[in-house]
Amino acid sequence: MMPLTMANTGESLTIKKVGGKEETKKFLESLGFVIGGAVTVISEMKGSVIVNVRDSRIAIGRDMAMKVMV
């Protein structure tokens, strides 16, 4: 298991754990970061990670991406 920030660009992975405080978990889950879900890293730029989750492109901060374990 590793944080989403360590994934390679273009790599499709399965979410294994969502960490952080309860409100952080709920926020990430509302964006589609659920255990067992697929996530693909599109790119990283200026401290943000752009990912593809549930057929949507989402940019999240590096600190949030560290809480998503794949």
PDB file of N, CA and C in Angstrom:
ATOM      1  N   MET A   1       0.841  -1.180   0.000  1.00  0.00           N
ATOM      2  CA  MET A   1       0.000   0.000   0.000  1.00  0.00           C
ATOM      3  C   MET A   1       0.887   1.245   0.000  1.00  0.00           C
ATOM      4  N   MET A   2       0.463   2.259  -0.761  1.00  0.00           N
ATOM      5  CA  MET A   2       1.221   3.511  -0.831  1.00  0.00           C
ATOM      6  C   MET A   2       0.240   4.666  -1.027  1.00  0.00           C
ATOM      7  N   PRO A   3       0.649   5.889  -0.676  1.00  0.00           N
ATOM      8  CA  PRO A   3      -0.238   7.029  -0.908  1.00  0.00           C
ATOM      9  C   PRO A   3      -0.369   7.329  -2.402  1.00  0.00           C
ATOM     10  N   LEU A   4      -1.483   7.907  -2.764  1.00  0.00           N
ATOM     11  CA  LEU A   4      -1.768   8.230  -4.162  1.00  0.00           C
ATOM     12  C   LEU A   4      -0.681   9.113  -4.776  1.00  0.00           C
ATOM     13  N   THR A   5      -0.031   9.931  -3.967  1.00  0.00           N
ATOM     14  CA  THR A   5       1.005  10.834  -4.473  1.00  0.00           C
ATOM     15  C   THR A   5       2.212  10.077  -5.029  1.00  0.00           C
ATOM     16  N   MET A   6       2.392   8.826  -4.645  1.00  0.00           N
ATOM     17  CA  MET A   6       3.538   8.046  -5.126  1.00  0.00           C
ATOM     18  C   MET A   6       3.233   7.256  -6.399  1.00  0.00           C
ATOM     19  N   ALA A   7       1.991   7.289  -6.853  1.00  0.00           N
ATOM     20  CA  ALA A   7       1.611   6.559  -8.066  1.00  0.00           C
ATOM     21  C   ALA A   7       2.182   7.245  -9.301  1.00  0.00           C
ATOM     22  N   ASN A   8       2.481   6.468 -10.309  1.00  0.00           N
ATOM     23  CA  ASN A   8       2.999   7.006 -11.562  1.00  0.00           C
ATOM     24  C   ASN A   8       1.863   7.563 -12.412  1.00  0.00           C
ATOM     25  N   THR A   9       2.173   8.569 -13.212  1.00  0.00           N
ATOM     26  CA  THR A   9       1.193   9.153 -14.121  1.00  0.00           C
ATOM     27  C   THR A   9       0.719   8.088 -15.107  1.00  0.00           C
ATOM     28  N   GLY A  10      -0.589   8.007 -15.301  1.00  0.00           N
ATOM     29  CA  GLY A  10      -1.174   7.035 -16.218  1.00  0.00           C
ATOM     30  C   GLY A  10      -1.462   5.693 -15.583  1.00  0.00           C
ATOM     31  N   GLU A  11      -1.024   5.504 -14.352  1.00  0.00           N
ATOM     32  CA  GLU A  11      -1.209   4.232 -13.660  1.00  0.00           C
ATOM     33  C   GLU A  11      -2.635   4.137 -13.106  1.00  0.00           C
ATOM     34  N   SER A  12      -3.304   3.020 -13.385  1.00  0.00           N
ATOM     35  CA  SER A  12      -4.656   2.782 -12.868  1.00  0.00           C
ATOM     36  C   SER A  12      -4.545   1.878 -11.647  1.00  0.00           C
ATOM     37  N   LEU A  13      -5.099   2.344 -10.528  1.00  0.00           N
ATOM     38  CA  LEU A  13      -4.957   1.640  -9.254  1.00  0.00           C
ATOM     39  C   LEU A  13      -6.305   1.478  -8.571  1.00  0.00           C
ATOM     40  N   THR A  14      -6.321   0.627  -7.548  1.00  0.00           N
ATOM     41  CA  THR A  14      -7.519   0.416  -6.741  1.00  0.00           C
ATOM     42  C   THR A  14      -7.312   1.072  -5.380  1.00  0.00           C
ATOM     43  N   ILE A  15      -8.323   1.797  -4.925  1.00  0.00           N
ATOM     44  CA  ILE A  15      -8.243   2.464  -3.620  1.00  0.00           C
ATOM     45  C   ILE A  15      -8.402   1.420  -2.526  1.00  0.00           C
ATOM     46  N   LYS A  16      -7.442   1.391  -1.606  1.00  0.00           N
ATOM     47  CA  LYS A  16      -7.457   0.397  -0.527  1.00  0.00           C
ATOM     48  C   LYS A  16      -7.871   0.980   0.810  1.00  0.00           C
ATOM     49  N   LYS A  17      -7.612   2.285   1.005  1.00  0.00           N
ATOM     50  CA  LYS A  17      -7.930   2.913   2.286  1.00  0.00           C
ATOM     51  C   LYS A  17      -8.023   4.420   2.100  1.00  0.00           C
ATOM     52  N   VAL A  18      -8.948   5.040   2.834  1.00  0.00           N
ATOM     53  CA  VAL A  18      -9.054   6.495   2.843  1.00  0.00           C
ATOM     54  C   VAL A  18      -8.860   6.921   4.293  1.00  0.00           C
ATOM     55  N   GLY A  19      -7.804   7.676   4.555  1.00  0.00           N
ATOM     56  CA  GLY A  19      -7.475   8.068   5.915  1.00  0.00           C
ATOM     57  C   GLY A  19      -7.894   9.488   6.236  1.00  0.00           C
ATOM     58  N   GLY A  20      -7.471   9.947   7.395  1.00  0.00           N
ATOM     59  CA  GLY A  20      -7.766  11.306   7.816  1.00  0.00           C
ATOM     60  C   GLY A  20      -8.910  11.368   8.803  1.00  0.00           C
ATOM     61  N   LYS A  21      -9.281  12.600   9.167  1.00  0.00           N
ATOM     62  CA  LYS A  21     -10.393  12.816  10.076  1.00  0.00           C
ATOM     63  C   LYS A  21     -11.696  12.410   9.387  1.00  0.00           C
ATOM     64  N   GLU A  22     -12.729  12.230  10.179  1.00  0.00           N
ATOM     65  CA  GLU A  22     -14.024  11.786   9.635  1.00  0.00           C
ATOM     66  C   GLU A  22     -14.542  12.727   8.548  1.00  0.00           C
ATOM     67  N   GLU A  23     -14.418  14.034   8.759  1.00  0.00           N
ATOM     68  CA  GLU A  23     -14.901  14.990   7.762  1.00  0.00           C
ATOM     69  C   GLU A  23     -14.085  14.908   6.473  1.00  0.00           C
ATOM     70  N   THR A  24     -12.792  14.635   6.588  1.00  0.00           N
ATOM     71  CA  THR A  24     -11.937  14.477   5.407  1.00  0.00           C
ATOM     72  C   THR A  24     -12.338  13.228   4.634  1.00  0.00           C
ATOM     73  N   LYS A  25     -12.579  12.132   5.346  1.00  0.00           N
ATOM     74  CA  LYS A  25     -13.008  10.888   4.698  1.00  0.00           C
ATOM     75  C   LYS A  25     -14.308  11.092   3.945  1.00  0.00           C
ATOM     76  N   LYS A  26     -15.283  11.749   4.581  1.00  0.00           N
ATOM     77  CA  LYS A  26     -16.582  11.986   3.943  1.00  0.00           C
ATOM     78  C   LYS A  26     -16.426  12.849   2.696  1.00  0.00           C
ATOM     79  N   PHE A  27     -15.564  13.864   2.776  1.00  0.00           N
ATOM     80  CA  PHE A  27     -15.331  14.731   1.628  1.00  0.00           C
ATOM     81  C   PHE A  27     -14.741  13.941   0.459  1.00  0.00           C
ATOM     82  N   LEU A  28     -13.699  13.145   0.745  1.00  0.00           N
ATOM     83  CA  LEU A  28     -13.065  12.350  -0.311  1.00  0.00           C
ATOM     84  C   LEU A  28     -14.031  11.319  -0.886  1.00  0.00           C
ATOM     85  N   GLU A  29     -14.838  10.699  -0.028  1.00  0.00           N
ATOM     86  CA  GLU A  29     -15.817   9.724  -0.505  1.00  0.00           C
ATOM     87  C   GLU A  29     -16.863  10.390  -1.393  1.00  0.00           C
ATOM     88  N   SER A  30     -17.241  11.617  -1.065  1.00  0.00           N
ATOM     89  CA  SER A  30     -18.224  12.331  -1.894  1.00  0.00           C
ATOM     90  C   SER A  30     -17.665  12.642  -3.285  1.00  0.00           C
ATOM     91  N   LEU A  31     -16.339  12.736  -3.380  1.00  0.00           N
ATOM     92  CA  LEU A  31     -15.693  12.963  -4.676  1.00  0.00           C
ATOM     93  C   LEU A  31     -15.532  11.662  -5.475  1.00  0.00           C
ATOM     94  N   GLY A  32     -15.736  10.523  -4.806  1.00  0.00           N
ATOM     95  CA  GLY A  32     -15.619   9.239  -5.496  1.00  0.00           C
ATOM     96  C   GLY A  32     -14.465   8.380  -5.024  1.00  0.00           C
ATOM     97  N   PHE A  33     -13.724   8.839  -4.022  1.00  0.00           N
ATOM     98  CA  PHE A  33     -12.604   8.062  -3.491  1.00  0.00           C
ATOM     99  C   PHE A  33     -13.128   7.069  -2.458  1.00  0.00           C
ATOM    100  N   VAL A  34     -13.646   5.943  -2.952  1.00  0.00           N
ATOM    101  CA  VAL A  34     -14.200   4.911  -2.067  1.00  0.00           C
ATOM    102  C   VAL A  34     -13.347   3.647  -2.157  1.00  0.00           C
ATOM    103  N   ILE A  35     -13.301   2.898  -1.070  1.00  0.00           N
ATOM    104  CA  ILE A  35     -12.511   1.671  -1.027  1.00  0.00           C
ATOM    105  C   ILE A  35     -13.007   0.710  -2.106  1.00  0.00           C
ATOM    106  N   GLY A  36     -12.060   0.180  -2.880  1.00  0.00           N
ATOM    107  CA  GLY A  36     -12.395  -0.730  -3.975  1.00  0.00           C
ATOM    108  C   GLY A  36     -12.592  -0.025  -5.300  1.00  0.00           C
ATOM    109  N   GLY A  37     -12.681   1.305  -5.276  1.00  0.00           N
ATOM    110  CA  GLY A  37     -12.870   2.068  -6.506  1.00  0.00           C
ATOM    111  C   GLY A  37     -11.571   2.215  -7.280  1.00  0.00           C
ATOM    112  N   ALA A  38     -11.703   2.475  -8.565  1.00  0.00           N
ATOM    113  CA  ALA A  38     -10.529   2.649  -9.426  1.00  0.00           C
ATOM    114  C   ALA A  38     -10.168   4.126  -9.515  1.00  0.00           C
ATOM    115  N   VAL A  39      -8.876   4.393  -9.550  1.00  0.00           N
ATOM    116  CA  VAL A  39      -8.377   5.759  -9.701  1.00  0.00           C
ATOM    117  C   VAL A  39      -7.167   5.736 -10.630  1.00  0.00           C
ATOM    118  N   THR A  40      -7.105   6.722 -11.522  1.00  0.00           N
ATOM    119  CA  THR A  40      -5.977   6.843 -12.443  1.00  0.00           C
ATOM    120  C   THR A  40      -5.367   8.225 -12.279  1.00  0.00           C
ATOM    121  N   VAL A  41      -4.059   8.291 -12.102  1.00  0.00           N
ATOM    122  CA  VAL A  41      -3.367   9.572 -11.987  1.00  0.00           C
ATOM    123  C   VAL A  41      -3.170  10.132 -13.395  1.00  0.00           C
ATOM    124  N   ILE A  42      -3.704  11.334 -13.626  1.00  0.00           N
ATOM    125  CA  ILE A  42      -3.570  11.990 -14.933  1.00  0.00           C
ATOM    126  C   ILE A  42      -2.283  12.809 -14.966  1.00  0.00           C
ATOM    127  N   SER A  43      -2.101  13.655 -13.944  1.00  0.00           N
ATOM    128  CA  SER A  43      -0.878  14.463 -13.876  1.00  0.00           C
ATOM    129  C   SER A  43      -0.731  15.079 -12.484  1.00  0.00           C
ATOM    130  N   GLU A  44       0.439  15.642 -12.250  1.00  0.00           N
ATOM    131  CA  GLU A  44       0.719  16.371 -11.014  1.00  0.00           C
ATOM    132  C   GLU A  44       1.256  17.730 -11.411  1.00  0.00           C
ATOM    133  N   MET A  45       0.732  18.780 -10.773  1.00  0.00           N
ATOM    134  CA  MET A  45       1.237  20.113 -11.063  1.00  0.00           C
ATOM    135  C   MET A  45       0.975  21.070  -9.913  1.00  0.00           C
ATOM    136  N   LYS A  46       1.963  21.863  -9.581  1.00  0.00           N
ATOM    137  CA  LYS A  46       1.865  22.900  -8.554  1.00  0.00           C
ATOM    138  C   LYS A  46       1.226  22.408  -7.260  1.00  0.00           C
ATOM    139  N   GLY A  47       1.621  21.261  -6.791  1.00  0.00           N
ATOM    140  CA  GLY A  47       1.120  20.762  -5.526  1.00  0.00           C
ATOM    141  C   GLY A  47      -0.233  20.087  -5.584  1.00  0.00           C
ATOM    142  N   SER A  48      -0.811  19.963  -6.771  1.00  0.00           N
ATOM    143  CA  SER A  48      -2.084  19.281  -6.938  1.00  0.00           C
ATOM    144  C   SER A  48      -1.890  17.994  -7.730  1.00  0.00           C
ATOM    145  N   VAL A  49      -2.762  17.046  -7.475  1.00  0.00           N
ATOM    146  CA  VAL A  49      -2.757  15.796  -8.216  1.00  0.00           C
ATOM    147  C   VAL A  49      -4.066  15.728  -8.981  1.00  0.00           C
ATOM    148  N   ILE A  50      -3.989  15.536 -10.286  1.00  0.00           N
ATOM    149  CA  ILE A  50      -5.190  15.426 -11.110  1.00  0.00           C
ATOM    150  C   ILE A  50      -5.419  13.947 -11.384  1.00  0.00           C
ATOM    151  N   VAL A  51      -6.613  13.474 -11.006  1.00  0.00           N
ATOM    152  CA  VAL A  51      -6.926  12.059 -11.133  1.00  0.00           C
ATOM    153  C   VAL A  51      -8.250  11.865 -11.863  1.00  0.00           C
ATOM    154  N   ASN A  52      -8.438  10.655 -12.341  1.00  0.00           N
ATOM    155  CA  ASN A  52      -9.693  10.270 -12.966  1.00  0.00           C
ATOM    156  C   ASN A  52     -10.378   9.279 -12.027  1.00  0.00           C
ATOM    157  N   VAL A  53     -11.536   9.659 -11.500  1.00  0.00           N
ATOM    158  CA  VAL A  53     -12.301   8.819 -10.587  1.00  0.00           C
ATOM    159  C   VAL A  53     -13.741   8.818 -11.067  1.00  0.00           C
ATOM    160  N   ARG A  54     -14.332   7.636 -11.214  1.00  0.00           N
ATOM    161  CA  ARG A  54     -15.733   7.525 -11.662  1.00  0.00           C
ATOM    162  C   ARG A  54     -16.000   8.350 -12.915  1.00  0.00           C
ATOM    163  N   ASP A  55     -15.139   8.233 -13.897  1.00  0.00           N
ATOM    164  CA  ASP A  55     -15.278   8.948 -15.172  1.00  0.00           C
ATOM    165  C   ASP A  55     -15.288  10.468 -15.024  1.00  0.00           C
ATOM    166  N   SER A  56     -14.707  10.983 -13.948  1.00  0.00           N
ATOM    167  CA  SER A  56     -14.592  12.427 -13.738  1.00  0.00           C
ATOM    168  C   SER A  56     -13.146  12.782 -13.440  1.00  0.00           C
ATOM    169  N   ARG A  57     -12.720  13.932 -13.938  1.00  0.00           N
ATOM    170  CA  ARG A  57     -11.378  14.422 -13.617  1.00  0.00           C
ATOM    171  C   ARG A  57     -11.483  15.327 -12.400  1.00  0.00           C
ATOM    172  N   ILE A  58     -10.663  15.051 -11.423  1.00  0.00           N
ATOM    173  CA  ILE A  58     -10.693  15.807 -10.177  1.00  0.00           C
ATOM    174  C   ILE A  58      -9.268  16.204  -9.810  1.00  0.00           C
ATOM    175  N   ALA A  59      -9.116  17.454  -9.381  1.00  0.00           N
ATOM    176  CA  ALA A  59      -7.820  17.921  -8.871  1.00  0.00           C
ATOM    177  C   ALA A  59      -7.937  18.021  -7.359  1.00  0.00           C
ATOM    178  N   ILE A  60      -7.035  17.339  -6.661  1.00  0.00           N
ATOM    179  CA  ILE A  60      -7.014  17.442  -5.201  1.00  0.00           C
ATOM    180  C   ILE A  60      -5.609  17.848  -4.770  1.00  0.00           C
ATOM    181  N   GLY A  61      -5.544  18.497  -3.627  1.00  0.00           N
ATOM    182  CA  GLY A  61      -4.259  18.931  -3.095  1.00  0.00           C
ATOM    183  C   GLY A  61      -3.400  17.738  -2.708  1.00  0.00           C
ATOM    184  N   ARG A  62      -2.113  17.975  -2.666  1.00  0.00           N
ATOM    185  CA  ARG A  62      -1.174  16.906  -2.324  1.00  0.00           C
ATOM    186  C   ARG A  62      -1.446  16.349  -0.926  1.00  0.00           C
ATOM    187  N   ASP A  63      -1.845  17.208   0.018  1.00  0.00           N
ATOM    188  CA  ASP A  63      -2.138  16.753   1.367  1.00  0.00           C
ATOM    189  C   ASP A  63      -3.336  15.806   1.390  1.00  0.00           C
ATOM    190  N   MET A  64      -4.352  16.080   0.573  1.00  0.00           N
ATOM    191  CA  MET A  64      -5.512  15.172   0.480  1.00  0.00           C
ATOM    192  C   MET A  64      -5.117  13.871  -0.204  1.00  0.00           C
ATOM    193  N   ALA A  65      -4.297  13.985  -1.248  1.00  0.00           N
ATOM    194  CA  ALA A  65      -3.877  12.787  -1.978  1.00  0.00           C
ATOM    195  C   ALA A  65      -3.054  11.856  -1.096  1.00  0.00           C
ATOM    196  N   MET A  66      -2.363  12.410  -0.109  1.00  0.00           N
ATOM    197  CA  MET A  66      -1.577  11.583   0.809  1.00  0.00           C
ATOM    198  C   MET A  66      -2.475  10.699   1.677  1.00  0.00           C
ATOM    199  N   LYS A  67      -3.731  11.066   1.846  1.00  0.00           N
ATOM    200  CA  LYS A  67      -4.659  10.318   2.677  1.00  0.00           C
ATOM    201  C   LYS A  67      -5.327   9.160   1.935  1.00  0.00           C
ATOM    202  N   VAL A  68      -5.188   9.148   0.603  1.00  0.00           N
ATOM    203  CA  VAL A  68      -5.767   8.073  -0.215  1.00  0.00           C
ATOM    204  C   VAL A  68      -4.684   7.021  -0.453  1.00  0.00           C
ATOM    205  N   MET A  69      -4.906   5.832   0.077  1.00  0.00           N
ATOM    206  CA  MET A  69      -3.931   4.756  -0.066  1.00  0.00           C
ATOM    207  C   MET A  69      -4.375   3.799  -1.170  1.00  0.00           C
ATOM    208  N   VAL A  70      -3.416   3.460  -2.044  1.00  0.00           N
ATOM    209  CA  VAL A  70      -3.713   2.572  -3.178  1.00  0.00           C
ATOM    210  C   VAL A  70      -2.801   1.353  -3.141  1.00  0.00           C
TER     211      VAL A  70
END
